[in-house]
Every structure is written in structure tokens, then in C-alpha cells.
N, C-alpha and C. Protein backbone atom coordinates (compact mmCIF):
# COMPACT_ATOMS: atom_id res chain seq x y z
N UNK A 1 -10.79 -16.32 13.51
CA UNK A 1 -11.16 -15.46 12.47
C UNK A 1 -11.91 -14.22 13.15
N UNK A 2 -11.39 -12.95 12.89
CA UNK A 2 -11.97 -11.82 13.53
C UNK A 2 -13.33 -11.51 13.01
N UNK A 3 -14.21 -11.07 13.85
CA UNK A 3 -15.58 -10.66 13.55
C UNK A 3 -15.49 -9.22 13.05
N UNK A 4 -16.14 -8.96 11.84
CA UNK A 4 -16.11 -7.58 11.33
C UNK A 4 -17.20 -6.80 12.06
N UNK A 5 -16.83 -5.61 12.41
CA UNK A 5 -17.83 -4.68 13.06
C UNK A 5 -18.38 -3.93 11.92
N UNK A 6 -19.55 -3.24 12.22
CA UNK A 6 -20.12 -2.25 11.11
C UNK A 6 -19.25 -1.28 10.82
N UNK A 7 -18.35 -0.77 11.78
CA UNK A 7 -17.52 0.34 11.40
C UNK A 7 -16.30 -0.13 10.63
N UNK A 8 -16.15 -1.44 10.51
CA UNK A 8 -14.86 -1.93 9.68
C UNK A 8 -15.22 -2.17 8.25
N UNK A 9 -16.50 -1.82 7.79
CA UNK A 9 -16.84 -2.05 6.49
C UNK A 9 -16.77 -0.69 5.72
N UNK A 10 -16.06 -0.67 4.59
CA UNK A 10 -16.02 0.64 3.86
C UNK A 10 -17.41 1.02 3.38
N UNK A 11 -17.80 2.24 3.56
CA UNK A 11 -19.15 2.78 3.11
C UNK A 11 -19.04 3.88 2.21
N UNK A 12 -19.96 4.05 1.15
CA UNK A 12 -19.89 5.10 0.28
C UNK A 12 -20.28 6.41 1.01
N UNK A 13 -19.69 7.48 0.85
CA UNK A 13 -20.07 8.67 1.48
C UNK A 13 -21.41 9.24 1.01
N UNK A 14 -22.20 9.70 1.90
CA UNK A 14 -23.56 10.21 1.51
C UNK A 14 -23.42 11.44 0.63
N UNK A 15 -22.49 12.24 0.99
CA UNK A 15 -22.12 13.44 0.15
C UNK A 15 -20.71 13.46 -0.38
N UNK A 16 -20.56 13.35 -1.51
CA UNK A 16 -19.12 13.24 -2.17
C UNK A 16 -18.46 14.57 -2.09
N UNK A 17 -19.17 15.66 -1.90
CA UNK A 17 -18.59 16.95 -1.77
C UNK A 17 -18.43 17.55 -0.41
N UNK A 18 -18.54 16.58 0.56
CA UNK A 18 -18.45 16.95 2.01
C UNK A 18 -16.98 17.41 2.34
N UNK A 19 -16.83 18.29 3.28
CA UNK A 19 -15.44 18.76 3.55
C UNK A 19 -14.68 17.74 4.45
N UNK A 20 -15.30 16.85 5.16
CA UNK A 20 -14.58 15.87 5.85
C UNK A 20 -15.34 14.49 5.66
N UNK A 21 -14.45 13.53 5.81
CA UNK A 21 -14.97 12.04 5.66
C UNK A 21 -14.53 11.21 6.85
N UNK A 22 -15.34 10.24 7.23
CA UNK A 22 -15.11 9.32 8.34
C UNK A 22 -14.04 8.21 7.77
N UNK A 23 -13.60 7.43 8.73
CA UNK A 23 -12.58 6.39 8.30
C UNK A 23 -13.26 5.32 7.30
N UNK A 24 -14.50 4.88 7.58
CA UNK A 24 -15.10 3.97 6.49
C UNK A 24 -15.33 4.54 5.25
N UNK A 25 -15.65 5.93 5.21
CA UNK A 25 -15.83 6.58 3.93
C UNK A 25 -14.44 6.77 3.24
N UNK A 26 -13.35 6.99 3.97
CA UNK A 26 -12.07 7.14 3.33
C UNK A 26 -11.62 5.84 2.74
N UNK A 27 -12.07 4.82 3.47
CA UNK A 27 -11.66 3.38 3.00
C UNK A 27 -12.36 3.13 1.65
N UNK A 28 -13.59 3.59 1.54
CA UNK A 28 -14.32 3.34 0.33
C UNK A 28 -13.69 4.20 -0.83
N UNK A 29 -13.35 5.45 -0.47
CA UNK A 29 -12.69 6.33 -1.53
C UNK A 29 -11.40 5.80 -2.01
N UNK A 30 -10.63 5.26 -1.08
CA UNK A 30 -9.29 4.78 -1.33
C UNK A 30 -9.25 3.36 -1.80
N UNK A 31 -10.43 2.74 -1.97
CA UNK A 31 -10.63 1.33 -2.34
C UNK A 31 -9.65 0.36 -1.59
N UNK A 32 -9.71 0.48 -0.23
CA UNK A 32 -8.95 -0.44 0.63
C UNK A 32 -9.86 -0.66 1.89
N UNK A 33 -9.32 -1.43 2.80
CA UNK A 33 -10.03 -1.74 4.05
C UNK A 33 -9.93 -0.67 5.10
N UNK A 34 -10.78 -0.69 6.11
CA UNK A 34 -10.71 0.29 7.17
C UNK A 34 -9.49 0.00 7.99
N UNK A 35 -9.10 -1.21 8.31
CA UNK A 35 -7.73 -1.28 9.09
C UNK A 35 -6.54 -0.70 8.40
N UNK A 36 -6.55 -0.81 7.03
CA UNK A 36 -5.56 -0.20 6.24
C UNK A 36 -5.55 1.33 6.42
N UNK A 37 -6.69 1.96 6.35
CA UNK A 37 -6.82 3.38 6.60
C UNK A 37 -6.27 3.70 8.01
N UNK A 38 -6.72 2.96 8.98
CA UNK A 38 -6.28 3.23 10.37
C UNK A 38 -4.74 3.12 10.51
N UNK A 39 -4.07 2.19 9.80
CA UNK A 39 -2.71 1.98 9.88
C UNK A 39 -2.03 3.23 9.25
N UNK A 40 -2.50 3.62 8.06
CA UNK A 40 -1.97 4.74 7.43
C UNK A 40 -2.07 6.04 8.21
N UNK A 41 -3.22 6.16 8.88
CA UNK A 41 -3.50 7.41 9.70
C UNK A 41 -2.40 7.37 10.81
N UNK A 42 -2.18 6.12 11.40
CA UNK A 42 -1.28 6.00 12.55
C UNK A 42 0.15 6.39 12.11
N UNK A 43 0.47 6.07 10.74
CA UNK A 43 1.78 6.33 10.21
C UNK A 43 1.87 7.81 9.88
N UNK A 44 0.90 8.50 9.77
CA UNK A 44 0.87 9.95 9.53
C UNK A 44 0.29 10.40 8.22
N UNK A 45 -0.13 9.50 7.39
CA UNK A 45 -0.75 9.80 6.09
C UNK A 45 -2.00 9.03 5.92
N UNK A 46 -3.14 9.64 5.60
CA UNK A 46 -3.36 11.06 5.43
C UNK A 46 -3.57 11.61 6.77
N UNK A 47 -3.36 12.92 6.92
CA UNK A 47 -3.61 13.66 8.24
C UNK A 47 -5.10 13.53 8.59
N UNK A 48 -5.30 13.52 9.79
CA UNK A 48 -6.60 13.33 10.40
C UNK A 48 -6.86 14.27 11.61
N UNK A 49 -8.05 14.38 11.97
CA UNK A 49 -8.45 15.24 13.15
C UNK A 49 -9.43 14.32 14.00
N UNK A 50 -9.18 14.43 15.24
CA UNK A 50 -10.13 13.76 16.18
C UNK A 50 -11.07 14.81 16.73
N UNK A 51 -12.38 14.70 16.51
CA UNK A 51 -13.37 15.68 16.94
C UNK A 51 -14.12 15.14 18.23
N UNK A 52 -14.98 15.96 18.68
CA UNK A 52 -15.62 15.60 19.95
C UNK A 52 -16.36 14.24 19.78
N UNK A 53 -16.28 13.47 20.85
CA UNK A 53 -16.74 12.19 20.86
C UNK A 53 -15.80 11.09 20.34
N UNK A 54 -14.61 11.52 20.03
CA UNK A 54 -13.59 10.49 19.50
C UNK A 54 -13.69 10.09 18.06
N UNK A 55 -14.45 10.75 17.28
CA UNK A 55 -14.62 10.42 15.92
C UNK A 55 -13.39 10.97 15.21
N UNK A 56 -12.84 10.16 14.31
CA UNK A 56 -11.69 10.56 13.59
C UNK A 56 -12.22 10.98 12.05
N UNK A 57 -11.87 12.13 11.67
CA UNK A 57 -12.19 12.61 10.34
C UNK A 57 -10.99 13.03 9.52
N UNK A 58 -11.11 12.90 8.18
CA UNK A 58 -10.04 13.21 7.27
C UNK A 58 -10.63 14.28 6.38
N UNK A 59 -9.94 15.44 6.08
CA UNK A 59 -10.46 16.58 5.29
C UNK A 59 -10.24 16.15 3.87
N UNK A 60 -11.05 16.77 3.04
CA UNK A 60 -10.97 16.52 1.59
C UNK A 60 -9.58 16.99 1.07
N UNK A 61 -9.11 18.10 1.64
CA UNK A 61 -7.72 18.60 1.19
C UNK A 61 -6.66 17.56 1.56
N UNK A 62 -6.67 17.08 2.80
CA UNK A 62 -5.65 16.11 3.22
C UNK A 62 -5.76 14.79 2.26
N UNK A 63 -6.91 14.42 1.95
CA UNK A 63 -7.11 13.19 1.07
C UNK A 63 -6.54 13.47 -0.33
N UNK A 64 -6.76 14.71 -0.79
CA UNK A 64 -6.29 14.97 -2.21
C UNK A 64 -4.72 15.19 -2.07
N UNK A 65 -4.19 15.66 -0.96
CA UNK A 65 -2.71 15.76 -0.82
C UNK A 65 -2.14 14.37 -0.77
N UNK A 66 -2.67 13.49 -0.09
CA UNK A 66 -2.22 12.05 -0.01
C UNK A 66 -2.25 11.38 -1.31
N UNK A 67 -3.25 11.68 -2.14
CA UNK A 67 -3.24 11.07 -3.45
C UNK A 67 -2.21 11.66 -4.38
N UNK A 68 -1.96 12.97 -4.34
CA UNK A 68 -0.95 13.59 -5.09
C UNK A 68 0.42 13.15 -4.67
N UNK A 69 0.66 12.98 -3.34
CA UNK A 69 1.94 12.58 -2.88
C UNK A 69 2.25 11.15 -3.16
N UNK A 70 1.28 10.21 -3.33
CA UNK A 70 1.48 8.87 -3.53
C UNK A 70 1.00 8.37 -4.98
N UNK A 71 0.86 9.28 -5.81
CA UNK A 71 0.53 8.92 -7.29
C UNK A 71 1.71 8.19 -7.90
N UNK A 72 1.36 7.09 -8.52
CA UNK A 72 2.39 6.35 -9.24
C UNK A 72 2.14 6.38 -10.74
N UNK A 73 3.12 6.85 -11.57
CA UNK A 73 3.00 6.95 -12.93
C UNK A 73 3.24 5.61 -13.55
N UNK A 74 2.44 5.26 -14.52
CA UNK A 74 2.64 3.96 -15.29
C UNK A 74 3.82 4.16 -16.13
N UNK A 75 4.60 3.10 -16.22
CA UNK A 75 5.79 3.13 -17.08
C UNK A 75 5.46 3.06 -18.55
N UNK A 76 6.21 3.70 -19.36
CA UNK A 76 6.01 3.73 -20.85
C UNK A 76 6.25 2.24 -21.34
N UNK A 77 5.36 1.82 -22.13
CA UNK A 77 5.52 0.48 -22.72
C UNK A 77 6.24 0.61 -24.17
N UNK A 78 7.45 0.00 -24.18
CA UNK A 78 8.16 -0.06 -25.48
C UNK A 78 8.12 -1.35 -26.06
N UNK A 79 8.06 -1.51 -27.34
CA UNK A 79 8.18 -2.69 -28.10
C UNK A 79 9.61 -2.94 -28.46
N UNK A 80 10.30 -3.99 -27.90
CA UNK A 80 11.61 -4.23 -28.09
C UNK A 80 11.68 -5.38 -29.10
N UNK A 81 12.45 -5.25 -30.14
CA UNK A 81 12.64 -6.33 -31.06
C UNK A 81 11.65 -6.35 -32.12
N UNK A 82 11.71 -7.40 -32.90
CA UNK A 82 10.83 -7.50 -34.10
C UNK A 82 9.56 -8.30 -33.67
N UNK A 83 8.37 -8.12 -34.34
CA UNK A 83 7.30 -8.89 -34.07
C UNK A 83 7.48 -10.32 -34.50
N UNK A 84 6.78 -11.24 -33.76
CA UNK A 84 6.90 -12.65 -34.02
C UNK A 84 6.35 -13.03 -35.42
N UNK A 85 6.96 -13.99 -36.04
CA UNK A 85 6.44 -14.45 -37.23
C UNK A 85 5.49 -15.68 -37.00
N UNK A 86 4.50 -15.84 -37.78
CA UNK A 86 3.70 -16.99 -37.62
C UNK A 86 4.25 -18.17 -38.35
N UNK A 87 4.01 -19.32 -37.82
CA UNK A 87 4.59 -20.54 -38.52
C UNK A 87 4.00 -20.74 -39.82
N UNK A 88 4.72 -21.36 -40.79
CA UNK A 88 4.31 -21.67 -42.13
C UNK A 88 3.05 -22.51 -42.28
N UNK A 89 2.84 -23.31 -41.23
CA UNK A 89 1.76 -24.24 -41.32
C UNK A 89 0.45 -23.67 -41.06
N UNK A 90 0.40 -22.46 -40.61
CA UNK A 90 -0.99 -21.82 -40.25
C UNK A 90 -1.56 -21.24 -41.47
N UNK A 91 -2.88 -21.31 -41.61
CA UNK A 91 -3.54 -20.67 -42.85
C UNK A 91 -3.75 -19.23 -42.62
N UNK A 92 -4.02 -18.56 -43.69
CA UNK A 92 -4.26 -17.16 -43.53
C UNK A 92 -5.54 -16.81 -42.77
N UNK A 93 -6.47 -17.58 -42.83
CA UNK A 93 -7.73 -17.29 -42.03
C UNK A 93 -7.45 -17.50 -40.51
N UNK A 94 -6.57 -18.43 -40.15
CA UNK A 94 -6.37 -18.52 -38.67
C UNK A 94 -5.51 -17.48 -38.21
N UNK A 95 -4.67 -16.83 -38.99
CA UNK A 95 -3.87 -15.67 -38.51
C UNK A 95 -4.67 -14.50 -38.38
N UNK A 96 -5.67 -14.14 -39.11
CA UNK A 96 -6.44 -12.94 -39.02
C UNK A 96 -7.54 -13.05 -38.02
């Protein structure tokens, strides 16, 4: 079993209006794990920047673009057919 490092735990951003977020902060915002964010960055989404000291940051605009590009619309729910009938043996109080 792998040992979790402190940098592998998603953390809530101190400033939600910050222009850039670290990888653990992005993981918290995306509600996923830090390794998942690292895999997605390696694949190209969301775009990131490496700054002095090797820290990887993701801008607020790139994160918003990622959400817009990967938004999934919920399918419309349709009722097909007739509603089920209750059996004759059930009393009116049990149905309600």
C-alpha cells in the first residue's frame, strides 16, 4: 500500500478568488484525487504552468475552460408507459 504524502491530499484553497491554484487545491475543487489531477495535466487538460521552484499551478481561467469543455448534460427523464396499478388487496391507507 502506498503511503500518502501531505502533497497528495486535496486541500481547500485559502483564497477561492486566487488567480492560480496548486495541484492539491485543484483536486479539492474538482472533487477528485491529486494523482487524478496529475494524470489529467499530463494528458493536457487542464493546462498548467510550472513556476520557479518546480511548483505546478493551474490558472482560474484554464480550470473554468476545463469545466466548460467537459460539462455533461443530464439526460431528460421521460415517463414511458402507464403508471403501475396497485393490487386490489391493498387498503387505501397503505397506498397513500
